[in-house]
Amino acid sequence: MAPLIVVAAGGAVDYSSFVEVNKVAQRSLDSASLAVASGVSRGEILPSDAKQRASEIFFLNMAAYGVTGVGQPGAVSVAAFEIDFDENASTVEVSANLMRQNSFTRLIGLDEFKTNLTSTSAFLGAPGAATNIEFSFVVDVTGSMAQNGRMDGLRSALRSSLNVLLPATGANDERVRVGLVPYAYSVNLGRDFHRSAVGTSTASASSRNTCVTEREGTNAFTRVRPRSTTANTLYETDAALRPYTSGACPEVVIRPLTNDREALLRDVDQLRPSGATAGHIGIDWGLNLLAEEWQDFWPAASRPFDYDEDDTRKVLVIMTDGEFNTAYYDRNTRGDINRAIRQTTDSRNAALQFCDLAKATSRDVEVYTIAFQAGREAEDLLRSCATPDDPSGDDSARHFFDASSNEELVAAFRSIVARELKIQLIN
């Protein structure tokens, strides 16, 4: 009896492990088919090279998720990997036959579990279309993201997006660049960008951290970049020096536009939840990454294109799990510069102004928003912030997403990326 109980319990372990591997494999296949569809549509991948590139992307993603080892008990192997490229139908279908060597059910003759997985993507644009795409991801890393595994979901969603935008194999396409703005109480600019943003200040550098809040004055809601004596960007003193008035400074420094996949993935891995939600500050800096007025603020390789540059798309993606509830600029005195004020109205109104700036005809930034297990007020704000959907009600043109689970968050990010790359995951 005891051996049967052990086999039964072990069999459950074998099966549940295989189910988890299937999830990883399906996600990796989706990334491979989307990346190849994007590469073909942009002229980066030749149809004759599609299988090799899809295979490389699939196996690299599997390894990144920890699925390694072949032929050993408990390991997973891929018995067959195929790709069907249909240029007439503009589709790429990738399939893989997976086999997992069992550890326990081998004792009763069930040596392995097998499954066949497929993923099909369509490229909707003309093959070889040369388009510059700038993505600015503005993501919530506040304390509430520690709940219900939300931060894990965000990391997965960002990794999934990067796997398609900047595939894990081959030279990164210089026409695709991605920026990352983690926000909480504030946005962390790092030392060099912080000096440029704050400008001349009476505060000593040793008394500050490298986070910033709002700008004040006439340029609070313009895209005029800060200059040495007119920056008017508010800053925080170091939390270690003023722990009760200085807000939590996100650990990860803002990442201006880049095609450096590994640097972006390192940033994603280091995201940690802390602090309250000054979402308007994140949106402000997310737009700064894309603004032509800020070109000389950023390093040469990270400078955004002009708004009217031919074949250029600018995309702002804003994600939060709750209400924007923190603002600084409505303080009573300049001496109170570090004290966050829990003013939902101020943060909300500022966020809407920044979104309107992004959507203005002169800038034409495509704004997508994602409410992640957020309340009604946060959802209403994000709906108003997003680029209006197609009046016809075409769901493929929507810009606001309501994600109630980690899986739906990954799907929302993936849908946004696929749409902007003019590709579509069919199944």
Protein backbone atom coordinates (compact mmCIF):
# COMPACT_ATOMS: atom_id res chain seq x y z
CA MET A 1 0.00 0.00 0.00
CA ALA A 2 2.73 2.44 0.96
CA PRO A 3 4.52 2.21 -2.41
CA LEU A 4 1.20 2.87 -4.22
CA ILE A 5 0.57 5.94 -2.10
CA VAL A 6 4.07 7.19 -2.86
CA VAL A 7 3.59 6.60 -6.60
CA ALA A 8 0.20 8.34 -6.54
CA ALA A 9 1.56 11.35 -4.70
CA GLY A 10 4.64 11.43 -6.89
CA GLY A 11 2.51 11.13 -10.00
CA ALA A 12 0.62 14.24 -8.96
CA VAL A 13 3.96 16.03 -8.67
CA ASP A 14 5.03 14.77 -12.11
CA TYR A 15 1.79 15.95 -13.69
CA SER A 16 1.63 19.36 -12.02
CA SER A 17 5.24 20.01 -13.02
CA PHE A 18 4.40 19.12 -16.61
CA VAL A 19 1.43 21.49 -16.58
CA GLU A 20 3.70 24.33 -15.44
CA VAL A 21 6.22 23.47 -18.15
CA ASN A 22 3.42 23.58 -20.72
CA LYS A 23 2.54 27.11 -19.62
CA VAL A 24 6.14 28.22 -20.02
CA ALA A 25 6.44 26.46 -23.38
CA GLN A 26 3.25 28.06 -24.70
CA ARG A 27 4.43 31.49 -23.60
CA SER A 28 7.79 30.85 -25.29
CA LEU A 29 6.10 29.68 -28.49
CA ASP A 30 3.90 32.79 -28.52
CA SER A 31 6.98 34.98 -28.14
CA ALA A 32 8.71 33.11 -30.95
CA SER A 33 5.81 33.34 -33.41
CA LEU A 34 5.16 37.01 -32.63
CA ALA A 35 8.85 37.91 -32.88
CA VAL A 36 9.25 36.12 -36.21
CA ALA A 37 6.05 37.68 -37.58
CA SER A 38 7.34 41.09 -36.53
CA GLY A 39 10.79 40.43 -38.00
CA VAL A 40 9.38 39.28 -41.32
CA SER A 41 6.97 42.20 -41.57
CA ARG A 42 9.81 44.65 -40.89
CA GLY A 43 12.26 42.98 -43.26
CA GLU A 44 14.61 41.95 -40.45
CA ILE A 45 14.03 38.20 -40.91
CA LEU A 46 13.94 36.44 -44.26
CA PRO A 47 11.31 33.70 -44.66
CA SER A 48 14.14 31.23 -45.30
CA ASP A 49 15.60 32.06 -41.87
CA ALA A 50 12.29 32.00 -40.00
CA LYS A 51 12.59 28.48 -38.57
CA GLN A 52 16.09 28.98 -37.23
CA ARG A 53 15.19 32.30 -35.62
CA ALA A 54 11.97 30.92 -34.12
CA SER A 55 13.84 27.92 -32.70
CA GLU A 56 16.54 30.12 -31.16
CA ILE A 57 13.99 32.45 -29.57
CA PHE A 58 11.93 29.54 -28.24
CA PHE A 59 14.82 27.71 -26.61
CA LEU A 60 16.36 30.88 -25.16
CA ASN A 61 13.03 31.80 -23.61
CA MET A 62 12.56 28.31 -22.22
CA ALA A 63 16.00 28.50 -20.62
CA ALA A 64 15.25 31.96 -19.25
CA TYR A 65 12.25 30.48 -17.46
CA GLY A 66 14.43 27.74 -16.00
CA VAL A 67 13.39 24.86 -18.27
CA THR A 68 16.70 23.13 -19.01
CA GLY A 69 18.13 19.62 -19.21
CA VAL A 70 17.33 16.91 -21.72
CA GLY A 71 16.79 13.20 -21.24
CA GLN A 72 17.10 13.12 -17.45
CA PRO A 73 14.31 12.15 -15.05
CA GLY A 74 12.21 15.25 -14.48
CA ALA A 75 13.73 17.03 -17.48
CA VAL A 76 11.95 18.26 -20.59
CA SER A 77 12.97 17.63 -24.17
CA VAL A 78 11.55 18.88 -27.46
CA ALA A 79 11.03 15.93 -29.77
CA ALA A 80 10.12 18.10 -32.77
CA PHE A 81 10.10 21.80 -33.56
CA GLU A 82 8.45 23.01 -36.75
CA ILE A 83 7.46 26.25 -38.40
CA ASP A 84 4.97 26.86 -41.18
CA PHE A 85 5.50 30.20 -42.90
CA ASP A 86 2.59 31.10 -45.21
CA GLU A 87 3.48 34.26 -47.10
CA ASN A 88 0.15 34.32 -48.95
CA ALA A 89 -1.84 34.20 -45.73
CA SER A 90 0.76 36.35 -43.92
CA THR A 91 0.97 33.90 -41.03
CA VAL A 92 3.66 32.13 -39.04
CA GLU A 93 2.76 28.92 -37.18
CA VAL A 94 5.26 27.49 -34.73
CA SER A 95 4.78 24.07 -33.13
CA ALA A 96 6.70 21.96 -30.64
CA ASN A 97 6.30 18.40 -29.37
CA LEU A 98 7.29 18.31 -25.71
CA MET A 99 8.20 15.27 -23.65
CA ARG A 100 8.91 15.18 -19.93
CA GLN A 101 10.69 12.25 -18.31
CA ASN A 102 8.76 11.32 -15.17
CA SER A 103 10.38 10.69 -11.81
CA PHE A 104 7.66 8.70 -10.02
CA THR A 105 5.19 7.22 -12.50
CA ARG A 106 8.05 5.38 -14.21
CA LEU A 107 7.61 2.89 -11.39
CA ILE A 108 4.28 1.83 -12.90
CA GLY A 109 5.37 1.99 -16.54
CA LEU A 110 4.40 5.59 -17.35
CA ASP A 111 7.80 6.89 -18.35
CA GLU A 112 6.84 10.24 -19.81
CA PHE A 113 4.18 12.85 -20.50
CA LYS A 114 3.85 14.21 -24.04
CA THR A 115 2.05 17.15 -25.60
CA ASN A 116 1.95 19.13 -28.82
CA LEU A 117 1.72 22.92 -28.66
CA THR A 118 1.23 25.47 -31.43
CA SER A 119 1.23 29.24 -31.79
CA THR A 120 0.16 31.17 -34.87
CA SER A 121 0.77 34.85 -35.53
CA ALA A 122 -0.19 37.04 -38.46
CA PHE A 123 1.70 40.06 -39.74
CA LEU A 124 -0.78 42.72 -40.74
CA GLY A 125 1.53 45.28 -42.32
CA ALA A 126 3.38 45.06 -45.59
CA PRO A 127 6.48 42.83 -45.30
CA GLY A 128 9.60 44.93 -45.09
CA ALA A 129 7.81 48.03 -43.77
CA ALA A 130 10.43 50.23 -42.11
CA THR A 131 8.93 51.90 -39.04
CA ASN A 132 10.68 53.45 -36.09
CA ILE A 133 8.87 52.55 -32.88
CA GLU A 134 9.48 54.13 -29.47
CA PHE A 135 7.85 52.45 -26.48
CA SER A 136 7.73 54.15 -23.07
CA PHE A 137 6.50 51.80 -20.31
CA VAL A 138 5.30 53.65 -17.18
CA VAL A 139 4.81 51.05 -14.46
CA ASP A 140 3.52 51.12 -10.90
CA VAL A 141 6.00 49.81 -8.30
CA THR A 142 4.13 51.01 -5.21
CA GLY A 143 3.68 49.02 -2.02
CA SER A 144 0.35 47.50 -3.09
CA MET A 145 2.16 45.70 -5.91
CA ALA A 146 3.50 43.35 -3.22
CA GLN A 147 0.00 41.87 -2.86
CA ASN A 148 -1.30 38.77 -4.65
CA GLY A 149 1.90 38.25 -6.63
CA ARG A 150 1.25 41.41 -8.67
CA MET A 151 4.92 42.32 -9.00
CA ASP A 152 5.64 38.86 -10.42
CA GLY A 153 2.86 39.47 -12.93
CA LEU A 154 4.33 42.82 -13.93
CA ARG A 155 7.78 41.33 -14.39
CA SER A 156 6.32 38.56 -16.57
CA ALA A 157 4.36 41.08 -18.65
CA LEU A 158 7.42 43.23 -19.26
CA ARG A 159 9.63 40.23 -20.09
CA SER A 160 6.99 38.96 -22.50
CA SER A 161 6.88 42.36 -24.21
CA LEU A 162 10.66 42.57 -24.48
CA ASN A 163 10.81 39.05 -25.91
CA VAL A 164 8.79 40.32 -28.87
CA LEU A 165 10.10 43.88 -29.18
CA LEU A 166 13.75 42.91 -28.73
CA PRO A 167 14.02 39.15 -29.38
CA ALA A 168 16.62 37.11 -27.53
CA THR A 169 18.59 36.24 -30.65
CA GLY A 170 20.37 38.21 -33.31
CA ALA A 171 21.26 41.88 -33.42
CA ASN A 172 18.59 44.09 -31.92
CA ASP A 173 16.61 46.09 -34.44
CA GLU A 174 17.72 49.72 -34.11
CA ARG A 175 14.28 50.82 -35.27
CA VAL A 176 12.73 49.56 -32.02
CA ARG A 177 13.63 51.28 -28.75
CA VAL A 178 12.10 50.85 -25.33
CA GLY A 179 12.14 53.06 -22.23
CA LEU A 180 11.11 52.17 -18.68
CA VAL A 181 9.75 54.50 -15.98
CA PRO A 182 9.05 52.82 -12.61
CA TYR A 183 7.12 55.16 -10.31
CA ALA A 184 5.88 55.26 -6.72
CA TYR A 185 6.10 58.40 -4.57
CA SER A 186 8.46 59.72 -7.23
CA VAL A 187 10.70 58.75 -10.15
CA ASN A 188 14.38 57.88 -9.75
CA LEU A 189 16.54 59.65 -12.35
CA GLY A 190 19.93 58.49 -11.16
CA ARG A 191 22.71 60.96 -10.40
CA ASP A 192 23.46 62.34 -13.88
CA PHE A 193 19.89 62.88 -15.06
CA HIS A 194 18.93 64.20 -11.63
CA ARG A 195 21.49 67.00 -11.84
CA SER A 196 20.18 68.02 -15.26
CA ALA A 197 16.55 67.92 -14.14
CA VAL A 198 16.99 69.85 -10.90
CA GLY A 199 19.42 72.44 -12.22
CA THR A 200 20.99 75.04 -9.94
CA SER A 201 19.76 74.48 -6.39
CA THR A 202 20.61 75.69 -2.94
CA ALA A 203 20.41 72.16 -1.58
CA SER A 204 23.68 70.28 -1.39
CA ALA A 205 23.94 67.09 -3.42
CA SER A 206 24.76 65.14 -0.27
CA SER A 207 21.33 65.96 1.18
CA ARG A 208 19.35 64.57 -1.75
CA ASN A 209 18.45 61.22 -3.12
CA THR A 210 18.13 61.00 -6.89
CA CYS A 211 14.34 61.03 -7.12
CA VAL A 212 12.24 63.89 -8.45
CA THR A 213 8.61 64.87 -8.17
CA GLU A 214 6.80 67.59 -10.13
CA ARG A 215 8.02 70.71 -11.81
CA GLU A 216 6.51 73.95 -10.64
CA GLY A 217 5.94 77.27 -12.37
CA THR A 218 5.06 78.02 -15.97
CA ASN A 219 6.64 74.85 -17.35
CA ALA A 220 4.83 72.44 -15.04
CA PHE A 221 2.63 71.23 -17.92
CA THR A 222 4.75 71.94 -20.96
CA ARG A 223 7.43 69.85 -22.64
CA VAL A 224 10.05 72.58 -22.25
CA ARG A 225 13.11 70.78 -20.94
CA PRO A 226 14.80 72.05 -17.74
CA ARG A 227 17.76 74.40 -17.97
CA SER A 228 20.34 75.10 -15.28
CA THR A 229 18.61 78.04 -13.57
CA THR A 230 15.01 77.48 -14.64
CA ALA A 231 14.52 73.78 -14.02
CA ASN A 232 12.00 74.16 -11.19
CA THR A 233 11.95 70.40 -10.77
CA LEU A 234 11.21 69.46 -7.19
CA TYR A 235 13.47 66.94 -5.53
CA GLU A 236 13.48 64.89 -2.35
CA THR A 237 16.03 64.92 0.39
CA ASP A 238 17.59 61.59 1.23
CA ALA A 239 15.16 59.37 3.14
CA ALA A 240 18.02 58.41 5.45
CA LEU A 241 18.34 62.06 6.46
CA ARG A 242 14.65 62.91 6.64
CA PRO A 243 12.88 59.56 6.99
CA TYR A 244 9.48 60.97 7.92
CA THR A 245 9.13 63.48 5.11
CA SER A 246 11.03 62.00 2.19
CA GLY A 247 8.99 59.55 0.12
CA ALA A 248 10.17 56.13 -0.96
CA CYS A 249 12.52 56.48 -3.92
CA PRO A 250 12.10 53.59 -6.40
CA GLU A 251 15.22 51.44 -6.55
CA VAL A 252 15.31 51.17 -10.33
CA VAL A 253 16.50 54.23 -12.21
CA ILE A 254 14.54 55.45 -15.21
CA ARG A 255 15.78 53.84 -18.45
CA PRO A 256 15.68 56.17 -21.49
CA LEU A 257 14.98 54.75 -24.94
CA THR A 258 17.29 51.87 -25.78
CA ASN A 259 17.46 48.64 -27.75
CA ASP A 260 19.67 47.05 -25.08
CA ARG A 261 17.53 44.04 -24.21
CA GLU A 262 19.76 42.79 -21.40
CA ALA A 263 19.86 46.16 -19.64
CA LEU A 264 16.08 46.36 -19.73
CA LEU A 265 15.70 42.80 -18.43
CA ARG A 266 18.04 43.60 -15.54
CA ASP A 267 15.87 46.58 -14.68
CA VAL A 268 12.75 44.41 -14.75
CA ASP A 269 14.33 41.80 -12.46
CA GLN A 270 15.22 44.50 -9.92
CA LEU A 271 11.75 46.06 -9.63
CA ARG A 272 10.63 46.14 -5.99
CA PRO A 273 7.33 47.38 -4.51
CA SER A 274 7.37 50.33 -2.08
CA GLY A 275 5.58 53.60 -1.43
CA ALA A 276 2.39 55.34 -2.53
CA THR A 277 1.08 56.30 -5.96
CA ALA A 278 2.11 59.57 -7.61
CA GLY A 279 1.12 58.30 -11.03
CA HIS A 280 1.12 61.72 -12.66
CA ILE A 281 4.89 61.98 -12.07
CA GLY A 282 5.42 58.67 -13.85
CA ILE A 283 3.31 59.80 -16.82
CA ASP A 284 5.20 63.10 -16.98
CA TRP A 285 8.56 61.33 -17.26
CA GLY A 286 7.19 58.65 -19.55
CA LEU A 287 6.26 61.40 -21.98
CA ASN A 288 9.65 63.07 -21.52
CA LEU A 289 11.27 59.93 -22.94
CA LEU A 290 9.29 60.43 -26.17
CA ALA A 291 9.29 64.23 -26.40
CA GLU A 292 11.32 65.85 -29.17
CA GLU A 293 11.67 68.92 -26.92
CA TRP A 294 13.80 66.78 -24.58
CA GLN A 295 16.14 65.37 -27.22
CA ASP A 296 19.27 67.06 -25.87
CA PHE A 297 18.45 66.01 -22.29
CA TRP A 298 19.06 62.33 -23.10
CA PRO A 299 22.19 60.55 -24.36
CA ALA A 300 22.55 60.54 -28.14
CA ALA A 301 21.46 56.90 -28.54
CA SER A 302 18.33 57.55 -26.46
CA ARG A 303 17.11 60.74 -28.10
CA PRO A 304 13.55 60.44 -29.37
CA PHE A 305 12.73 61.17 -32.99
CA ASP A 306 10.89 64.32 -34.01
CA TYR A 307 7.13 64.06 -33.77
CA ASP A 308 6.75 64.42 -37.53
CA GLU A 309 9.53 61.98 -38.45
CA ASP A 310 8.36 59.75 -41.30
CA ASP A 311 7.35 56.19 -40.39
CA THR A 312 7.71 56.77 -36.65
CA ARG A 313 5.37 55.60 -33.89
CA LYS A 314 5.50 56.84 -30.31
CA VAL A 315 3.73 54.67 -27.74
CA LEU A 316 3.10 55.46 -24.07
CA VAL A 317 1.91 52.52 -21.92
CA ILE A 318 0.68 53.39 -18.41
CA MET A 319 -0.04 50.69 -15.82
CA THR A 320 -1.30 50.99 -12.24
CA ASP A 321 -2.95 48.79 -9.64
CA GLY A 322 -4.67 51.61 -7.77
CA GLU A 323 -5.77 55.17 -7.42
CA PHE A 324 -3.32 58.03 -7.93
CA ASN A 325 -3.23 59.45 -4.40
CA THR A 326 -0.03 61.45 -3.84
CA ALA A 327 1.09 64.93 -4.91
CA TYR A 328 3.74 67.39 -3.78
CA TYR A 329 3.29 70.64 -5.65
CA ASP A 330 0.35 71.86 -3.54
CA ARG A 331 2.46 72.21 -0.41
CA ASN A 332 2.16 75.41 1.65
CA THR A 333 5.80 76.51 1.61
CA ARG A 334 8.96 75.67 -0.28
CA GLY A 335 10.42 74.48 3.00
CA ASP A 336 7.85 71.69 2.88
CA ILE A 337 9.25 70.50 -0.44
CA ASN A 338 9.70 66.89 0.65
CA ARG A 339 6.31 66.32 2.20
CA ALA A 340 3.97 64.30 0.03
CA ILE A 341 0.33 65.34 0.33
CA ARG A 342 -2.26 62.61 -0.14
CA GLN A 343 -4.30 64.56 -2.65
CA THR A 344 -6.04 62.31 -5.11
CA THR A 345 -7.59 65.25 -6.93
CA ASP A 346 -4.24 66.94 -7.60
CA SER A 347 -2.59 63.76 -8.86
CA ARG A 348 -5.58 62.80 -10.99
CA ASN A 349 -5.93 66.23 -12.60
CA ALA A 350 -2.22 66.44 -13.33
CA ALA A 351 -2.26 62.94 -14.87
CA LEU A 352 -5.10 63.90 -17.22
CA GLN A 353 -3.24 67.05 -18.31
CA PHE A 354 -0.13 65.03 -19.13
CA CYS A 355 -2.20 62.48 -21.05
CA ASP A 356 -3.85 65.28 -23.03
CA LEU A 357 -0.41 66.67 -23.85
CA ALA A 358 0.65 63.27 -25.16
CA LYS A 359 -2.48 62.84 -27.29
CA ALA A 360 -2.34 66.36 -28.77
CA THR A 361 -2.35 66.38 -32.56
CA SER A 362 1.08 68.03 -32.62
CA ARG A 363 2.57 65.07 -30.73
CA ASP A 364 0.27 62.20 -31.69
CA VAL A 365 1.55 59.81 -29.03
CA GLU A 366 -0.51 56.63 -28.82
CA VAL A 367 -1.54 56.22 -25.17
CA TYR A 368 -2.49 52.81 -23.78
CA THR A 369 -3.54 52.27 -20.17
CA ILE A 370 -3.84 49.14 -18.04
CA ALA A 371 -5.77 48.89 -14.77
CA PHE A 372 -4.37 45.90 -12.88
CA GLN A 373 -6.74 44.71 -10.15
CA ALA A 374 -7.53 48.40 -9.63
CA GLY A 375 -10.68 50.05 -8.28
CA ARG A 376 -13.39 51.89 -10.19
CA GLU A 377 -11.89 55.36 -9.76
CA ALA A 378 -8.52 54.22 -11.11
CA GLU A 379 -10.25 52.54 -14.04
CA ASP A 380 -12.22 55.70 -14.85
CA LEU A 381 -9.03 57.77 -14.80
CA LEU A 382 -7.18 55.38 -17.10
CA ARG A 383 -10.10 55.24 -19.54
CA SER A 384 -10.03 59.03 -19.77
CA CYS A 385 -6.25 59.04 -20.13
CA ALA A 386 -6.08 56.53 -22.99
CA THR A 387 -6.29 57.38 -26.66
CA PRO A 388 -9.98 57.12 -27.64
CA ASP A 389 -10.98 53.76 -29.05
CA ASP A 390 -12.33 53.29 -32.54
CA PRO A 391 -15.93 54.64 -32.52
CA SER A 392 -17.03 51.53 -34.41
CA GLY A 393 -16.34 49.48 -31.29
CA ASP A 394 -13.60 47.43 -32.92
CA ASP A 395 -12.03 45.61 -29.95
CA SER A 396 -8.71 45.27 -31.76
CA ALA A 397 -8.37 49.06 -31.60
CA ARG A 398 -8.93 49.48 -27.87
CA HIS A 399 -6.51 51.41 -25.72
CA PHE A 400 -7.76 50.74 -22.18
CA PHE A 401 -7.29 47.29 -20.62
CA ASP A 402 -8.73 45.95 -17.37
CA ALA A 403 -6.56 43.08 -16.10
CA SER A 404 -7.85 41.10 -13.13
CA SER A 405 -5.06 38.49 -13.01
CA ASN A 406 -1.38 38.09 -13.83
CA GLU A 407 -2.32 36.18 -16.98
CA GLU A 408 -4.60 39.01 -18.14
CA LEU A 409 -1.85 41.55 -17.44
CA VAL A 410 0.58 39.61 -19.65
CA ALA A 411 -2.10 39.38 -22.34
CA ALA A 412 -2.76 43.15 -22.17
CA PHE A 413 0.91 44.03 -22.64
CA ARG A 414 1.20 41.46 -25.41
CA SER A 415 -1.86 42.85 -27.22
CA ILE A 416 -0.46 46.38 -27.13
CA VAL A 417 2.93 45.32 -28.46
CA ALA A 418 1.38 43.14 -31.17
CA ARG A 419 -0.89 45.91 -32.36
CA GLU A 420 1.91 48.46 -32.62
CA LEU A 421 4.15 46.00 -34.47
CA LYS A 422 1.24 45.23 -36.79
CA ILE A 423 1.20 41.59 -35.80
CA GLN A 424 -1.51 39.51 -34.17
CA LEU A 425 -1.48 36.33 -32.13
CA ILE A 426 -4.17 34.15 -33.69
CA ASN A 427 -3.98 31.10 -31.42
